[in-house]
């Protein structure tokens, strides 16, 4: 797995986890599994990008000195954080 693939897998898991916590209670099996999968993807990505810093705008993500936009995956995540007035995240 290369860096871009690890990043894409992390973003997919992040989107699933965000949706799961909106739909289910925190102790629900689906939410727990989504969180565990997200943790695995974070661990894999941190081998390439450490620390992982993500900036959010209404339309894009900024990760590893690159702008990620014009894809439904990136837009959904960007909007979810932007609506909550979260400008950045560092792991």
N, C-alpha and C. Protein backbone atom coordinates (compact mmCIF):
# COMPACT_ATOMS: atom_id res chain seq x y z
N UNK A 1 0.85 -1.18 0.00
CA UNK A 1 0.00 0.00 0.00
C UNK A 1 0.89 1.24 0.00
N UNK A 2 0.60 2.16 -0.91
CA UNK A 2 1.37 3.40 -0.95
C UNK A 2 0.63 4.49 -0.17
N UNK A 3 1.26 5.66 -0.11
CA UNK A 3 0.72 6.76 0.69
C UNK A 3 -0.66 7.21 0.21
N UNK A 4 -0.83 7.39 -1.09
CA UNK A 4 -2.12 7.85 -1.61
C UNK A 4 -3.23 6.84 -1.37
N UNK A 5 -2.90 5.57 -1.50
CA UNK A 5 -3.89 4.52 -1.25
C UNK A 5 -4.27 4.48 0.24
N UNK A 6 -3.28 4.62 1.12
CA UNK A 6 -3.54 4.64 2.56
C UNK A 6 -4.40 5.85 2.92
N UNK A 7 -4.14 6.98 2.28
CA UNK A 7 -4.92 8.19 2.54
C UNK A 7 -6.36 8.01 2.07
N UNK A 8 -6.55 7.47 0.91
CA UNK A 8 -7.90 7.25 0.37
C UNK A 8 -8.68 6.28 1.27
N UNK A 9 -8.02 5.21 1.71
CA UNK A 9 -8.68 4.24 2.60
C UNK A 9 -9.05 4.89 3.94
N UNK A 10 -8.17 5.75 4.45
CA UNK A 10 -8.47 6.47 5.68
C UNK A 10 -9.69 7.37 5.50
N UNK A 11 -9.74 8.10 4.40
CA UNK A 11 -10.86 9.01 4.15
C UNK A 11 -12.17 8.25 4.01
N UNK A 12 -12.14 7.09 3.36
CA UNK A 12 -13.35 6.28 3.26
C UNK A 12 -13.81 5.83 4.64
N UNK A 13 -12.88 5.38 5.47
CA UNK A 13 -13.23 4.93 6.81
C UNK A 13 -13.72 6.09 7.67
N UNK A 14 -13.14 7.28 7.47
CA UNK A 14 -13.59 8.46 8.21
C UNK A 14 -15.03 8.81 7.84
N UNK A 15 -15.35 8.75 6.55
CA UNK A 15 -16.72 9.04 6.12
C UNK A 15 -17.71 8.05 6.73
N UNK A 16 -17.37 6.78 6.73
CA UNK A 16 -18.24 5.75 7.31
C UNK A 16 -18.41 5.99 8.81
N UNK A 17 -17.32 6.31 9.50
CA UNK A 17 -17.39 6.55 10.94
C UNK A 17 -18.25 7.77 11.25
N UNK A 18 -18.11 8.82 10.47
CA UNK A 18 -18.94 10.02 10.68
C UNK A 18 -20.42 9.70 10.52
N UNK A 19 -20.75 8.96 9.49
CA UNK A 19 -22.14 8.59 9.26
C UNK A 19 -22.66 7.68 10.37
N UNK A 20 -21.82 6.77 10.83
CA UNK A 20 -22.23 5.82 11.87
C UNK A 20 -22.55 6.52 13.18
N UNK A 21 -21.75 7.51 13.56
CA UNK A 21 -22.02 8.18 14.83
C UNK A 21 -23.24 9.09 14.74
N UNK A 22 -23.61 9.48 13.54
CA UNK A 22 -24.83 10.27 13.37
C UNK A 22 -26.07 9.37 13.46
N UNK A 23 -25.97 8.19 12.89
CA UNK A 23 -27.11 7.28 12.80
C UNK A 23 -27.32 6.46 14.07
N UNK A 24 -26.23 5.95 14.65
CA UNK A 24 -26.32 4.99 15.75
C UNK A 24 -25.85 5.57 17.08
N UNK A 25 -26.26 4.93 18.14
CA UNK A 25 -25.75 5.24 19.47
C UNK A 25 -24.28 4.83 19.53
N UNK A 26 -23.47 5.47 20.38
CA UNK A 26 -22.03 5.16 20.43
C UNK A 26 -21.71 3.68 20.71
N UNK A 27 -22.56 3.00 21.47
CA UNK A 27 -22.29 1.61 21.82
C UNK A 27 -22.83 0.61 20.80
N UNK A 28 -23.51 1.09 19.77
CA UNK A 28 -24.07 0.21 18.74
C UNK A 28 -22.93 -0.49 18.00
N UNK A 29 -23.15 -1.74 17.65
CA UNK A 29 -22.13 -2.56 16.99
C UNK A 29 -21.59 -1.89 15.72
N UNK A 30 -22.46 -1.31 14.92
CA UNK A 30 -22.01 -0.67 13.68
C UNK A 30 -21.10 0.52 13.95
N UNK A 31 -21.43 1.31 14.96
CA UNK A 31 -20.60 2.46 15.32
C UNK A 31 -19.26 2.02 15.87
N UNK A 32 -19.27 0.99 16.70
CA UNK A 32 -18.03 0.46 17.27
C UNK A 32 -17.13 -0.09 16.17
N UNK A 33 -17.70 -0.85 15.26
CA UNK A 33 -16.91 -1.42 14.16
C UNK A 33 -16.34 -0.33 13.25
N UNK A 34 -17.13 0.68 12.99
CA UNK A 34 -16.65 1.79 12.17
C UNK A 34 -15.48 2.50 12.85
N UNK A 35 -15.57 2.68 14.15
CA UNK A 35 -14.48 3.30 14.91
C UNK A 35 -13.22 2.45 14.90
N UNK A 36 -13.39 1.14 15.04
CA UNK A 36 -12.23 0.24 15.02
C UNK A 36 -11.57 0.24 13.65
N UNK A 37 -12.37 0.24 12.60
CA UNK A 37 -11.83 0.28 11.24
C UNK A 37 -11.10 1.59 10.98
N UNK A 38 -11.66 2.69 11.47
CA UNK A 38 -11.02 3.99 11.33
C UNK A 38 -9.66 3.99 12.03
N UNK A 39 -9.60 3.41 13.20
CA UNK A 39 -8.33 3.33 13.95
C UNK A 39 -7.28 2.55 13.16
N UNK A 40 -7.68 1.44 12.54
CA UNK A 40 -6.74 0.66 11.72
C UNK A 40 -6.22 1.49 10.54
N UNK A 41 -7.11 2.23 9.92
CA UNK A 41 -6.72 3.04 8.77
C UNK A 41 -5.82 4.20 9.19
N UNK A 42 -6.08 4.77 10.35
CA UNK A 42 -5.22 5.84 10.88
C UNK A 42 -3.82 5.29 11.12
N UNK A 43 -3.74 4.14 11.77
CA UNK A 43 -2.44 3.53 12.05
C UNK A 43 -1.66 3.27 10.77
N UNK A 44 -2.33 2.80 9.73
CA UNK A 44 -1.67 2.54 8.45
C UNK A 44 -1.19 3.84 7.81
N UNK A 45 -2.00 4.88 7.89
CA UNK A 45 -1.64 6.15 7.27
C UNK A 45 -0.51 6.85 8.02
N UNK A 46 -0.47 6.70 9.33
CA UNK A 46 0.57 7.36 10.12
C UNK A 46 1.97 6.85 9.78
N UNK A 47 2.07 5.71 9.14
CA UNK A 47 3.37 5.23 8.68
C UNK A 47 3.91 6.11 7.56
N UNK A 48 3.00 6.78 6.84
CA UNK A 48 3.38 7.63 5.72
C UNK A 48 3.38 9.11 6.09
N UNK A 49 2.39 9.53 6.84
CA UNK A 49 2.23 10.95 7.20
C UNK A 49 2.09 11.03 8.72
N UNK A 50 3.10 11.55 9.37
CA UNK A 50 3.06 11.63 10.83
C UNK A 50 3.73 12.93 11.27
N UNK A 51 3.00 13.83 11.88
CA UNK A 51 1.60 13.77 12.24
C UNK A 51 0.71 14.02 11.03
N UNK A 52 -0.50 13.54 11.14
CA UNK A 52 -1.51 13.73 10.09
C UNK A 52 -2.27 15.01 10.42
N UNK A 53 -2.12 16.01 9.55
CA UNK A 53 -2.81 17.29 9.72
C UNK A 53 -3.79 17.47 8.57
N UNK A 54 -5.05 17.75 8.94
CA UNK A 54 -6.09 17.92 7.94
C UNK A 54 -6.74 19.29 8.15
N UNK A 55 -6.80 20.07 7.09
CA UNK A 55 -7.50 21.34 7.12
C UNK A 55 -8.82 21.18 6.38
N UNK A 56 -9.86 21.85 6.85
CA UNK A 56 -11.19 21.73 6.26
C UNK A 56 -11.68 23.08 5.75
N UNK A 57 -12.22 23.07 4.55
CA UNK A 57 -12.98 24.20 4.04
C UNK A 57 -14.35 23.66 3.67
N UNK A 58 -15.20 24.50 3.18
CA UNK A 58 -16.55 24.04 2.82
C UNK A 58 -16.51 23.07 1.64
N UNK A 59 -15.52 23.17 0.79
CA UNK A 59 -15.47 22.39 -0.44
C UNK A 59 -14.28 21.44 -0.57
N UNK A 60 -13.33 21.48 0.39
CA UNK A 60 -12.13 20.67 0.19
C UNK A 60 -11.44 20.31 1.51
N UNK A 61 -10.51 19.38 1.37
CA UNK A 61 -9.64 18.97 2.46
C UNK A 61 -8.22 19.37 2.08
N UNK A 62 -7.41 19.70 3.06
CA UNK A 62 -6.00 20.01 2.81
C UNK A 62 -5.17 19.05 3.66
N UNK A 63 -4.48 18.15 2.97
CA UNK A 63 -3.69 17.12 3.65
C UNK A 63 -2.36 17.00 2.93
N UNK A 64 -1.28 16.96 3.71
CA UNK A 64 0.05 16.71 3.16
C UNK A 64 0.39 17.70 2.05
N UNK A 65 0.13 18.98 2.30
CA UNK A 65 0.40 20.07 1.36
C UNK A 65 -0.31 19.91 0.02
N UNK A 66 -1.43 19.21 0.02
CA UNK A 66 -2.24 19.05 -1.19
C UNK A 66 -3.69 19.37 -0.88
N UNK A 67 -4.39 19.84 -1.88
CA UNK A 67 -5.81 20.12 -1.75
C UNK A 67 -6.59 18.96 -2.36
N UNK A 68 -7.54 18.45 -1.63
CA UNK A 68 -8.37 17.32 -2.09
C UNK A 68 -9.78 17.83 -2.26
N UNK A 69 -10.26 17.86 -3.51
CA UNK A 69 -11.58 18.41 -3.81
C UNK A 69 -12.14 17.73 -5.05
N UNK A 70 -13.32 18.17 -5.44
CA UNK A 70 -13.97 17.67 -6.67
C UNK A 70 -14.22 16.17 -6.66
N UNK A 71 -14.49 15.63 -5.51
CA UNK A 71 -14.85 14.22 -5.38
C UNK A 71 -15.87 14.15 -4.26
N UNK A 72 -16.87 13.34 -4.41
CA UNK A 72 -17.93 13.24 -3.41
C UNK A 72 -17.38 12.88 -2.02
N UNK A 73 -16.42 11.98 -1.99
CA UNK A 73 -15.80 11.57 -0.73
C UNK A 73 -15.23 12.77 0.01
N UNK A 74 -14.43 13.58 -0.67
CA UNK A 74 -13.79 14.74 -0.04
C UNK A 74 -14.82 15.79 0.36
N UNK A 75 -15.81 16.01 -0.51
CA UNK A 75 -16.83 17.02 -0.23
C UNK A 75 -17.66 16.67 1.00
N UNK A 76 -18.04 15.40 1.14
CA UNK A 76 -18.85 14.99 2.29
C UNK A 76 -18.10 15.21 3.60
N UNK A 77 -16.84 14.83 3.62
CA UNK A 77 -16.05 14.99 4.84
C UNK A 77 -15.83 16.47 5.13
N UNK A 78 -15.46 17.23 4.10
CA UNK A 78 -15.22 18.66 4.28
C UNK A 78 -16.46 19.36 4.83
N UNK A 79 -17.62 19.06 4.26
CA UNK A 79 -18.86 19.69 4.71
C UNK A 79 -19.19 19.30 6.15
N UNK A 80 -18.99 18.04 6.49
CA UNK A 80 -19.32 17.57 7.85
C UNK A 80 -18.52 18.33 8.90
N UNK A 81 -17.24 18.55 8.64
CA UNK A 81 -16.42 19.28 9.61
C UNK A 81 -16.66 20.78 9.54
N UNK A 82 -16.82 21.30 8.33
CA UNK A 82 -17.05 22.73 8.17
C UNK A 82 -18.34 23.17 8.85
N UNK A 83 -19.39 22.37 8.75
CA UNK A 83 -20.67 22.69 9.38
C UNK A 83 -20.54 22.76 10.90
N UNK A 84 -19.60 22.02 11.44
CA UNK A 84 -19.36 22.02 12.88
C UNK A 84 -18.31 23.03 13.29
N UNK A 85 -17.90 23.87 12.32
CA UNK A 85 -16.93 24.93 12.52
C UNK A 85 -15.56 24.41 12.96
N UNK A 86 -15.22 23.22 12.47
CA UNK A 86 -13.91 22.63 12.74
C UNK A 86 -13.01 22.96 11.56
N UNK A 87 -11.94 23.70 11.82
CA UNK A 87 -11.07 24.15 10.74
C UNK A 87 -9.91 23.19 10.48
N UNK A 88 -9.55 22.40 11.48
CA UNK A 88 -8.43 21.51 11.31
C UNK A 88 -8.43 20.40 12.33
N UNK A 89 -7.67 19.37 12.01
CA UNK A 89 -7.54 18.20 12.86
C UNK A 89 -6.12 17.69 12.76
N UNK A 90 -5.53 17.35 13.87
CA UNK A 90 -4.18 16.78 13.87
C UNK A 90 -4.17 15.50 14.67
N UNK A 91 -3.65 14.45 14.04
CA UNK A 91 -3.56 13.15 14.69
C UNK A 91 -2.09 12.76 14.74
